[in-house]
């Protein structure tokens, strides 16, 4: 498990070693939850990077592996290197990001959408903490969120 300081130290060192600009690195999932204060620790570092950084990793001889789809979230390719799980991003996500510690970090509403898409038991804590944003969700995401809450936490009493 990594606390905020350990998370940032590990990611800062990895980016420096690879020559990656922090502003080109998107922190999502557990890291975003950590940096937004929704949790005290995370078990890994998942970040998205643009094609030119992805190509740098491939040119080092690193191999990508595919993670299967989870919930409604599609399959993704990752490269594990320097204690970081690097994901390729192919679309502009800047509208869903906020700058924290020099990195692009998923905003809470986007984080809620991502957690709903994944729909895992381990995401329910973040979903519960972000339900105050539910009015900003699409009807489809709102319905899925409610289904997940009932599935994982049971019906409201």
N, C-alpha and C. Protein backbone atom coordinates (compact mmCIF):
# COMPACT_ATOMS: atom_id res chain seq x y z
N UNK A 1 0.84 -1.18 0.00
CA UNK A 1 0.00 0.00 0.00
C UNK A 1 0.89 1.25 0.00
N UNK A 2 0.44 2.25 -0.72
CA UNK A 2 1.18 3.51 -0.84
C UNK A 2 0.34 4.65 -0.27
N UNK A 3 0.94 5.46 0.59
CA UNK A 3 0.26 6.68 1.01
C UNK A 3 0.57 7.77 0.00
N UNK A 4 0.02 8.96 0.22
CA UNK A 4 0.18 10.06 -0.74
C UNK A 4 1.65 10.36 -1.04
N UNK A 5 2.46 10.46 0.00
CA UNK A 5 3.86 10.81 -0.19
C UNK A 5 4.61 9.73 -0.96
N UNK A 6 4.37 8.46 -0.61
CA UNK A 6 5.02 7.36 -1.31
C UNK A 6 4.57 7.29 -2.77
N UNK A 7 3.29 7.50 -2.99
CA UNK A 7 2.74 7.50 -4.35
C UNK A 7 3.45 8.55 -5.20
N UNK A 8 3.49 9.79 -4.71
CA UNK A 8 4.09 10.88 -5.48
C UNK A 8 5.59 10.69 -5.65
N UNK A 9 6.27 10.20 -4.62
CA UNK A 9 7.71 9.97 -4.72
C UNK A 9 8.02 8.91 -5.79
N UNK A 10 7.28 7.83 -5.78
CA UNK A 10 7.50 6.76 -6.77
C UNK A 10 7.22 7.27 -8.18
N UNK A 11 6.10 7.97 -8.35
CA UNK A 11 5.75 8.47 -9.68
C UNK A 11 6.72 9.55 -10.14
N UNK A 12 7.11 10.46 -9.25
CA UNK A 12 8.09 11.49 -9.60
C UNK A 12 9.40 10.87 -10.07
N UNK A 13 9.87 9.85 -9.35
CA UNK A 13 11.12 9.19 -9.72
C UNK A 13 11.00 8.49 -11.07
N UNK A 14 9.88 7.82 -11.31
CA UNK A 14 9.68 7.12 -12.58
C UNK A 14 9.65 8.12 -13.74
N UNK A 15 8.91 9.20 -13.58
CA UNK A 15 8.82 10.21 -14.65
C UNK A 15 10.19 10.84 -14.92
N UNK A 16 10.93 11.13 -13.86
CA UNK A 16 12.27 11.72 -14.03
C UNK A 16 13.20 10.75 -14.74
N UNK A 17 13.17 9.47 -14.36
CA UNK A 17 14.03 8.47 -14.98
C UNK A 17 13.74 8.30 -16.46
N UNK A 18 12.47 8.46 -16.84
CA UNK A 18 12.07 8.27 -18.23
C UNK A 18 12.05 9.57 -19.04
N UNK A 19 12.22 10.70 -18.36
CA UNK A 19 12.17 12.00 -19.04
C UNK A 19 10.77 12.41 -19.44
N UNK A 20 9.75 11.91 -18.72
CA UNK A 20 8.36 12.25 -19.01
C UNK A 20 7.98 13.54 -18.31
N UNK A 21 7.31 14.43 -19.02
CA UNK A 21 6.77 15.63 -18.40
C UNK A 21 5.59 15.24 -17.52
N UNK A 22 5.62 15.71 -16.28
CA UNK A 22 4.53 15.38 -15.36
C UNK A 22 3.18 15.85 -15.91
N UNK A 23 3.16 16.96 -16.60
CA UNK A 23 1.90 17.49 -17.13
C UNK A 23 1.29 16.60 -18.21
N UNK A 24 2.09 15.66 -18.77
CA UNK A 24 1.59 14.72 -19.77
C UNK A 24 1.10 13.42 -19.16
N UNK A 25 1.20 13.29 -17.85
CA UNK A 25 0.85 12.06 -17.16
C UNK A 25 -0.49 12.26 -16.45
N UNK A 26 -1.45 11.39 -16.74
CA UNK A 26 -2.79 11.49 -16.16
C UNK A 26 -2.93 10.47 -15.03
N UNK A 27 -3.16 10.96 -13.83
CA UNK A 27 -3.38 10.08 -12.68
C UNK A 27 -4.87 9.82 -12.57
N UNK A 28 -5.20 8.53 -12.54
CA UNK A 28 -6.61 8.14 -12.46
C UNK A 28 -6.80 7.12 -11.35
N UNK A 29 -7.98 6.60 -11.24
CA UNK A 29 -8.35 5.50 -10.35
C UNK A 29 -7.88 5.74 -8.91
N UNK A 30 -7.17 4.78 -8.33
CA UNK A 30 -6.78 4.87 -6.93
C UNK A 30 -5.92 6.08 -6.62
N UNK A 31 -5.03 6.43 -7.53
CA UNK A 31 -4.18 7.60 -7.32
C UNK A 31 -4.98 8.89 -7.27
N UNK A 32 -5.98 9.00 -8.14
CA UNK A 32 -6.84 10.19 -8.12
C UNK A 32 -7.65 10.22 -6.83
N UNK A 33 -8.15 9.08 -6.40
CA UNK A 33 -8.88 9.02 -5.13
C UNK A 33 -7.99 9.45 -3.98
N UNK A 34 -6.75 9.00 -4.01
CA UNK A 34 -5.78 9.36 -2.98
C UNK A 34 -5.51 10.87 -2.97
N UNK A 35 -5.24 11.43 -4.15
CA UNK A 35 -4.90 12.86 -4.23
C UNK A 35 -6.09 13.77 -3.95
N UNK A 36 -7.30 13.27 -4.16
CA UNK A 36 -8.50 14.05 -3.83
C UNK A 36 -8.94 13.84 -2.38
N UNK A 37 -8.19 13.04 -1.63
CA UNK A 37 -8.48 12.84 -0.21
C UNK A 37 -9.62 11.87 0.07
N UNK A 38 -9.98 11.03 -0.90
CA UNK A 38 -11.06 10.07 -0.69
C UNK A 38 -10.57 8.82 0.04
N UNK A 39 -9.27 8.61 0.03
CA UNK A 39 -8.69 7.46 0.73
C UNK A 39 -7.30 7.83 1.20
N UNK A 40 -6.77 7.05 2.12
CA UNK A 40 -5.45 7.30 2.69
C UNK A 40 -4.33 6.54 1.97
N UNK A 41 -4.69 5.45 1.28
CA UNK A 41 -3.70 4.62 0.61
C UNK A 41 -4.28 4.05 -0.68
N UNK A 42 -3.36 3.65 -1.56
CA UNK A 42 -3.74 2.92 -2.77
C UNK A 42 -2.74 1.80 -2.97
N UNK A 43 -3.17 0.74 -3.66
CA UNK A 43 -2.27 -0.40 -3.80
C UNK A 43 -1.40 -0.37 -5.05
N UNK A 44 -1.65 0.56 -5.96
CA UNK A 44 -0.80 0.64 -7.14
C UNK A 44 -0.88 2.02 -7.76
N UNK A 45 -0.07 2.22 -8.78
CA UNK A 45 -0.03 3.50 -9.49
C UNK A 45 -0.46 3.24 -10.93
N UNK A 46 -1.64 3.73 -11.28
CA UNK A 46 -2.16 3.64 -12.64
C UNK A 46 -2.17 5.04 -13.24
N UNK A 47 -1.48 5.20 -14.35
CA UNK A 47 -1.47 6.49 -15.04
C UNK A 47 -1.65 6.28 -16.53
N UNK A 48 -2.18 7.28 -17.19
CA UNK A 48 -2.33 7.25 -18.64
C UNK A 48 -1.30 8.21 -19.24
N UNK A 49 -0.75 7.81 -20.36
CA UNK A 49 0.27 8.62 -21.02
C UNK A 49 -0.03 8.72 -22.52
N UNK A 50 0.46 9.80 -23.15
CA UNK A 50 0.23 9.93 -24.60
C UNK A 50 1.13 8.98 -25.40
N UNK A 51 0.79 8.86 -26.67
CA UNK A 51 1.47 7.93 -27.57
C UNK A 51 2.99 8.09 -27.55
N UNK A 52 3.54 9.32 -27.55
CA UNK A 52 5.00 9.47 -27.63
C UNK A 52 5.69 8.91 -26.38
N UNK A 53 5.06 9.00 -25.21
CA UNK A 53 5.63 8.38 -24.02
C UNK A 53 5.48 6.86 -24.08
N UNK A 54 4.34 6.39 -24.58
CA UNK A 54 4.11 4.95 -24.74
C UNK A 54 5.19 4.37 -25.66
N UNK A 55 5.47 5.06 -26.75
CA UNK A 55 6.50 4.60 -27.69
C UNK A 55 7.87 4.56 -27.02
N UNK A 56 8.15 5.51 -26.14
CA UNK A 56 9.42 5.49 -25.38
C UNK A 56 9.55 4.18 -24.61
N UNK A 57 8.46 3.78 -23.94
CA UNK A 57 8.48 2.53 -23.18
C UNK A 57 8.69 1.32 -24.09
N UNK A 58 8.00 1.31 -25.22
CA UNK A 58 8.16 0.19 -26.18
C UNK A 58 9.58 0.16 -26.72
N UNK A 59 10.18 1.33 -26.98
CA UNK A 59 11.54 1.40 -27.49
C UNK A 59 12.58 0.93 -26.48
N UNK A 60 12.20 0.88 -25.21
CA UNK A 60 13.07 0.32 -24.17
C UNK A 60 13.00 -1.21 -24.16
N UNK A 61 12.14 -1.76 -25.03
CA UNK A 61 11.99 -3.21 -25.10
C UNK A 61 10.93 -3.75 -24.15
N UNK A 62 10.16 -2.87 -23.56
CA UNK A 62 9.11 -3.29 -22.64
C UNK A 62 7.91 -3.81 -23.42
N UNK A 63 7.21 -4.74 -22.86
CA UNK A 63 6.06 -5.35 -23.52
C UNK A 63 4.76 -4.93 -22.84
N UNK A 64 3.76 -4.67 -23.65
CA UNK A 64 2.43 -4.34 -23.14
C UNK A 64 1.66 -5.63 -22.92
N UNK A 65 0.77 -5.59 -21.95
CA UNK A 65 -0.16 -6.70 -21.76
C UNK A 65 -1.56 -6.12 -21.69
N UNK A 66 -2.53 -6.94 -22.04
CA UNK A 66 -3.92 -6.49 -22.10
C UNK A 66 -4.68 -6.94 -20.87
N UNK A 67 -5.32 -5.98 -20.21
CA UNK A 67 -6.22 -6.29 -19.11
C UNK A 67 -7.61 -6.47 -19.70
N UNK A 68 -8.33 -7.50 -19.29
CA UNK A 68 -9.65 -7.75 -19.87
C UNK A 68 -10.66 -6.68 -19.48
N UNK A 69 -11.77 -6.59 -20.20
CA UNK A 69 -12.82 -5.64 -19.82
C UNK A 69 -13.32 -5.94 -18.40
N UNK A 70 -13.69 -4.89 -17.71
CA UNK A 70 -14.26 -5.00 -16.36
C UNK A 70 -15.51 -4.15 -16.31
N UNK A 71 -16.63 -4.72 -15.89
CA UNK A 71 -17.88 -3.97 -15.89
C UNK A 71 -18.19 -3.50 -17.29
N UNK A 72 -18.42 -2.20 -17.45
CA UNK A 72 -18.61 -1.64 -18.79
C UNK A 72 -17.34 -0.97 -19.30
N UNK A 73 -16.26 -1.08 -18.57
CA UNK A 73 -14.96 -0.50 -18.94
C UNK A 73 -14.29 -1.43 -19.95
N UNK A 74 -13.81 -0.90 -21.07
CA UNK A 74 -13.21 -1.76 -22.10
C UNK A 74 -11.85 -2.32 -21.66
N UNK A 75 -11.37 -3.30 -22.40
CA UNK A 75 -10.02 -3.83 -22.19
C UNK A 75 -9.01 -2.71 -22.38
N UNK A 76 -7.90 -2.76 -21.65
CA UNK A 76 -6.85 -1.75 -21.77
C UNK A 76 -5.50 -2.43 -21.82
N UNK A 77 -4.58 -1.78 -22.51
CA UNK A 77 -3.20 -2.24 -22.54
C UNK A 77 -2.40 -1.47 -21.50
N UNK A 78 -1.52 -2.19 -20.80
CA UNK A 78 -0.65 -1.53 -19.83
C UNK A 78 0.77 -2.05 -20.00
N UNK A 79 1.69 -1.21 -19.59
CA UNK A 79 3.09 -1.59 -19.47
C UNK A 79 3.48 -1.34 -18.02
N UNK A 80 3.99 -2.37 -17.37
CA UNK A 80 4.43 -2.24 -15.98
C UNK A 80 5.92 -1.95 -15.98
N UNK A 81 6.31 -0.82 -15.40
CA UNK A 81 7.72 -0.43 -15.38
C UNK A 81 7.94 0.59 -14.26
N UNK A 82 9.01 0.41 -13.51
CA UNK A 82 9.39 1.32 -12.42
C UNK A 82 8.27 1.48 -11.39
N UNK A 83 7.59 0.37 -11.08
CA UNK A 83 6.51 0.34 -10.09
C UNK A 83 5.30 1.18 -10.48
N UNK A 84 5.13 1.40 -11.78
CA UNK A 84 3.99 2.17 -12.30
C UNK A 84 3.33 1.34 -13.39
N UNK A 85 1.99 1.36 -13.42
CA UNK A 85 1.23 0.76 -14.52
C UNK A 85 0.89 1.87 -15.50
N UNK A 86 1.56 1.86 -16.65
CA UNK A 86 1.40 2.90 -17.67
C UNK A 86 0.32 2.46 -18.65
N UNK A 87 -0.68 3.29 -18.87
CA UNK A 87 -1.77 3.02 -19.81
C UNK A 87 -1.66 4.03 -20.95
N UNK A 88 -1.97 3.59 -22.14
CA UNK A 88 -1.96 4.48 -23.30
C UNK A 88 -3.27 5.26 -23.35
N UNK A 89 -3.18 6.57 -23.51
CA UNK A 89 -4.38 7.37 -23.73
C UNK A 89 -4.33 7.89 -25.16
N UNK A 90 -5.46 7.83 -25.83
CA UNK A 90 -5.50 8.25 -27.24
C UNK A 90 -6.47 9.40 -27.47
N UNK A 91 -7.08 9.90 -26.39
CA UNK A 91 -8.03 10.99 -26.58
C UNK A 91 -7.73 12.13 -25.60
N UNK A 92 -8.14 13.31 -25.98
CA UNK A 92 -7.96 14.49 -25.13
C UNK A 92 -8.95 14.40 -23.97
N UNK A 93 -8.43 14.33 -22.78
CA UNK A 93 -9.26 14.24 -21.59
C UNK A 93 -9.12 15.47 -20.70
N UNK A 94 -8.54 16.54 -21.23
CA UNK A 94 -8.20 17.70 -20.41
C UNK A 94 -9.39 18.32 -19.70
N UNK A 95 -10.58 18.23 -20.28
CA UNK A 95 -11.76 18.82 -19.65
C UNK A 95 -12.10 18.08 -18.34
N UNK A 96 -11.68 16.84 -18.22
CA UNK A 96 -11.96 16.02 -17.04
C UNK A 96 -10.82 16.02 -16.04
N UNK A 97 -9.84 16.91 -16.21
CA UNK A 97 -8.64 16.88 -15.39
C UNK A 97 -8.46 18.17 -14.59
N UNK A 98 -7.74 18.03 -13.50
CA UNK A 98 -7.31 19.17 -12.70
C UNK A 98 -5.82 18.97 -12.43
N UNK A 99 -5.07 20.06 -12.34
CA UNK A 99 -3.63 19.97 -12.10
C UNK A 99 -3.37 19.87 -10.60
N UNK A 100 -2.75 18.77 -10.18
CA UNK A 100 -2.34 18.59 -8.79
C UNK A 100 -0.90 18.08 -8.79
N UNK A 101 -0.03 18.76 -8.08
CA UNK A 101 1.37 18.36 -7.97
C UNK A 101 2.04 18.29 -9.34
N UNK A 102 1.56 19.07 -10.30
CA UNK A 102 2.13 19.10 -11.64
C UNK A 102 1.58 18.05 -12.59
N UNK A 103 0.73 17.15 -12.09
CA UNK A 103 0.14 16.09 -12.91
C UNK A 103 -1.30 16.45 -13.28
N UNK A 104 -1.78 15.87 -14.36
CA UNK A 104 -3.20 15.95 -14.70
C UNK A 104 -3.87 14.84 -13.89
N UNK A 105 -4.83 15.21 -13.06
CA UNK A 105 -5.50 14.25 -12.18
C UNK A 105 -6.99 14.26 -12.52
N UNK A 106 -7.55 13.05 -12.63
CA UNK A 106 -8.97 12.90 -12.92
C UNK A 106 -9.80 13.68 -11.91
N UNK A 107 -10.71 14.53 -12.42
CA UNK A 107 -11.63 15.26 -11.54
C UNK A 107 -12.59 14.28 -10.87
N UNK A 108 -13.14 14.66 -9.72
CA UNK A 108 -14.04 13.75 -9.00
C UNK A 108 -15.22 13.22 -9.82
N UNK A 109 -15.85 14.04 -10.65
CA UNK A 109 -16.98 13.55 -11.44
C UNK A 109 -16.53 12.47 -12.42
N UNK A 110 -15.41 12.67 -13.09
CA UNK A 110 -14.86 11.66 -14.00
C UNK A 110 -14.48 10.41 -13.22
N UNK A 111 -13.91 10.60 -12.05
CA UNK A 111 -13.55 9.47 -11.20
C UNK A 111 -14.79 8.65 -10.85
N UNK A 112 -15.89 9.33 -10.53
CA UNK A 112 -17.14 8.64 -10.24
C UNK A 112 -17.60 7.85 -11.46
N UNK A 113 -17.56 8.47 -12.63
CA UNK A 113 -17.96 7.77 -13.87
C UNK A 113 -17.09 6.53 -14.12
N UNK A 114 -15.78 6.69 -13.91
CA UNK A 114 -14.87 5.56 -14.11
C UNK A 114 -15.16 4.43 -13.13
N UNK A 115 -15.40 4.80 -11.88
CA UNK A 115 -15.69 3.79 -10.85
C UNK A 115 -17.00 3.06 -11.16
N UNK A 116 -17.98 3.80 -11.63
CA UNK A 116 -19.26 3.18 -12.02
C UNK A 116 -19.03 2.23 -13.20
N UNK A 117 -18.22 2.64 -14.16
CA UNK A 117 -17.95 1.78 -15.32
C UNK A 117 -17.26 0.49 -14.90
N UNK A 118 -16.33 0.58 -13.97
CA UNK A 118 -15.63 -0.62 -13.50
C UNK A 118 -16.55 -1.50 -12.67
N UNK A 119 -17.31 -0.89 -11.78
CA UNK A 119 -18.33 -1.61 -11.03
C UNK A 119 -17.84 -2.70 -10.09
N UNK A 120 -16.63 -2.58 -9.61
CA UNK A 120 -16.07 -3.61 -8.73
C UNK A 120 -16.42 -3.31 -7.26
N UNK A 121 -16.42 -4.36 -6.46
CA UNK A 121 -16.67 -4.20 -5.02
C UNK A 121 -15.70 -3.18 -4.43
N UNK A 122 -14.43 -3.25 -4.82
CA UNK A 122 -13.44 -2.36 -4.24
C UNK A 122 -13.64 -0.89 -4.64
N UNK A 123 -14.47 -0.62 -5.62
CA UNK A 123 -14.76 0.76 -6.04
C UNK A 123 -15.91 1.38 -5.25
N UNK A 124 -16.63 0.58 -4.50
CA UNK A 124 -17.84 1.07 -3.83
C UNK A 124 -17.56 2.14 -2.79
N UNK A 125 -16.42 2.07 -2.12
CA UNK A 125 -16.09 3.11 -1.14
C UNK A 125 -15.99 4.48 -1.80
N UNK A 126 -15.30 4.54 -2.95
CA UNK A 126 -15.18 5.80 -3.68
C UNK A 126 -16.54 6.24 -4.21
N UNK A 127 -17.33 5.30 -4.73
CA UNK A 127 -18.65 5.64 -5.25
C UNK A 127 -19.50 6.26 -4.13
N UNK A 128 -19.50 5.64 -2.96
CA UNK A 128 -20.28 6.18 -1.84
C UNK A 128 -19.84 7.59 -1.48
N UNK A 129 -18.52 7.84 -1.48
CA UNK A 129 -18.01 9.16 -1.13
C UNK A 129 -18.29 10.22 -2.21
N UNK A 130 -18.60 9.77 -3.43
CA UNK A 130 -18.82 10.69 -4.54
C UNK A 130 -20.29 10.80 -4.94
N UNK A 131 -21.20 10.18 -4.21
CA UNK A 131 -22.61 10.21 -4.60
C UNK A 131 -23.19 11.62 -4.59
N UNK A 132 -22.55 12.56 -3.90
CA UNK A 132 -23.04 13.94 -3.93
C UNK A 132 -22.96 14.54 -5.34
N UNK A 133 -22.22 13.89 -6.23
CA UNK A 133 -22.10 14.35 -7.62
C UNK A 133 -23.11 13.67 -8.55
N UNK A 134 -23.94 12.82 -8.00
CA UNK A 134 -24.84 11.99 -8.82
C UNK A 134 -25.75 12.82 -9.73
N UNK A 135 -26.13 14.01 -9.31
CA UNK A 135 -27.04 14.81 -10.13
C UNK A 135 -26.39 15.24 -11.46
N UNK A 136 -25.06 15.13 -11.55
CA UNK A 136 -24.35 15.52 -12.77
C UNK A 136 -24.13 14.33 -13.71
N UNK A 137 -24.55 13.15 -13.31
CA UNK A 137 -24.37 11.96 -14.13
C UNK A 137 -25.44 11.87 -15.21
N UNK A 138 -25.11 11.15 -16.27
CA UNK A 138 -26.14 10.83 -17.27
C UNK A 138 -27.14 9.88 -16.61
N UNK A 139 -28.31 9.77 -17.20
CA UNK A 139 -29.32 8.85 -16.65
C UNK A 139 -28.79 7.42 -16.64
N UNK A 140 -28.05 7.04 -17.66
CA UNK A 140 -27.50 5.69 -17.75
C UNK A 140 -26.51 5.44 -16.61
N UNK A 141 -25.57 6.38 -16.39
CA UNK A 141 -24.60 6.22 -15.30
C UNK A 141 -25.27 6.24 -13.94
N UNK A 142 -26.28 7.09 -13.79
CA UNK A 142 -27.01 7.18 -12.52
C UNK A 142 -27.71 5.85 -12.22
N UNK A 143 -28.34 5.27 -13.23
CA UNK A 143 -29.02 3.98 -13.04
C UNK A 143 -28.01 2.89 -12.70
N UNK A 144 -26.87 2.87 -13.40
CA UNK A 144 -25.84 1.86 -13.11
C UNK A 144 -25.30 2.05 -11.70
N UNK A 145 -25.07 3.29 -11.28
CA UNK A 145 -24.59 3.54 -9.93
C UNK A 145 -25.55 2.95 -8.90
N UNK A 146 -26.84 3.20 -9.09
CA UNK A 146 -27.84 2.68 -8.15
C UNK A 146 -27.87 1.15 -8.16
N UNK A 147 -27.72 0.55 -9.34
CA UNK A 147 -27.66 -0.92 -9.43
C UNK A 147 -26.46 -1.46 -8.66
N UNK A 148 -25.32 -0.79 -8.81
CA UNK A 148 -24.11 -1.24 -8.11
C UNK A 148 -24.25 -1.10 -6.60
N UNK A 149 -24.85 -0.02 -6.17
CA UNK A 149 -25.04 0.18 -4.74
C UNK A 149 -25.91 -0.93 -4.17
N UNK A 150 -26.99 -1.26 -4.86
CA UNK A 150 -27.88 -2.34 -4.39
C UNK A 150 -27.15 -3.68 -4.46
N UNK A 151 -26.43 -3.92 -5.56
CA UNK A 151 -25.71 -5.19 -5.73
C UNK A 151 -24.66 -5.40 -4.66
N UNK A 152 -23.86 -4.37 -4.38
CA UNK A 152 -22.73 -4.53 -3.47
C UNK A 152 -23.04 -4.17 -2.02
N UNK A 153 -23.98 -3.26 -1.81
CA UNK A 153 -24.24 -2.79 -0.45
C UNK A 153 -25.61 -3.13 0.06
N UNK A 154 -26.50 -3.59 -0.82
CA UNK A 154 -27.86 -3.94 -0.42
C UNK A 154 -28.78 -2.74 -0.56
N UNK A 155 -30.09 -2.99 -0.56
CA UNK A 155 -31.06 -1.88 -0.71
C UNK A 155 -31.04 -0.97 0.51
N UNK A 156 -31.38 0.29 0.28
CA UNK A 156 -31.45 1.27 1.37
C UNK A 156 -32.52 0.84 2.37
N UNK A 157 -32.23 1.07 3.61
CA UNK A 157 -33.18 0.69 4.68
C UNK A 157 -34.17 1.81 4.92
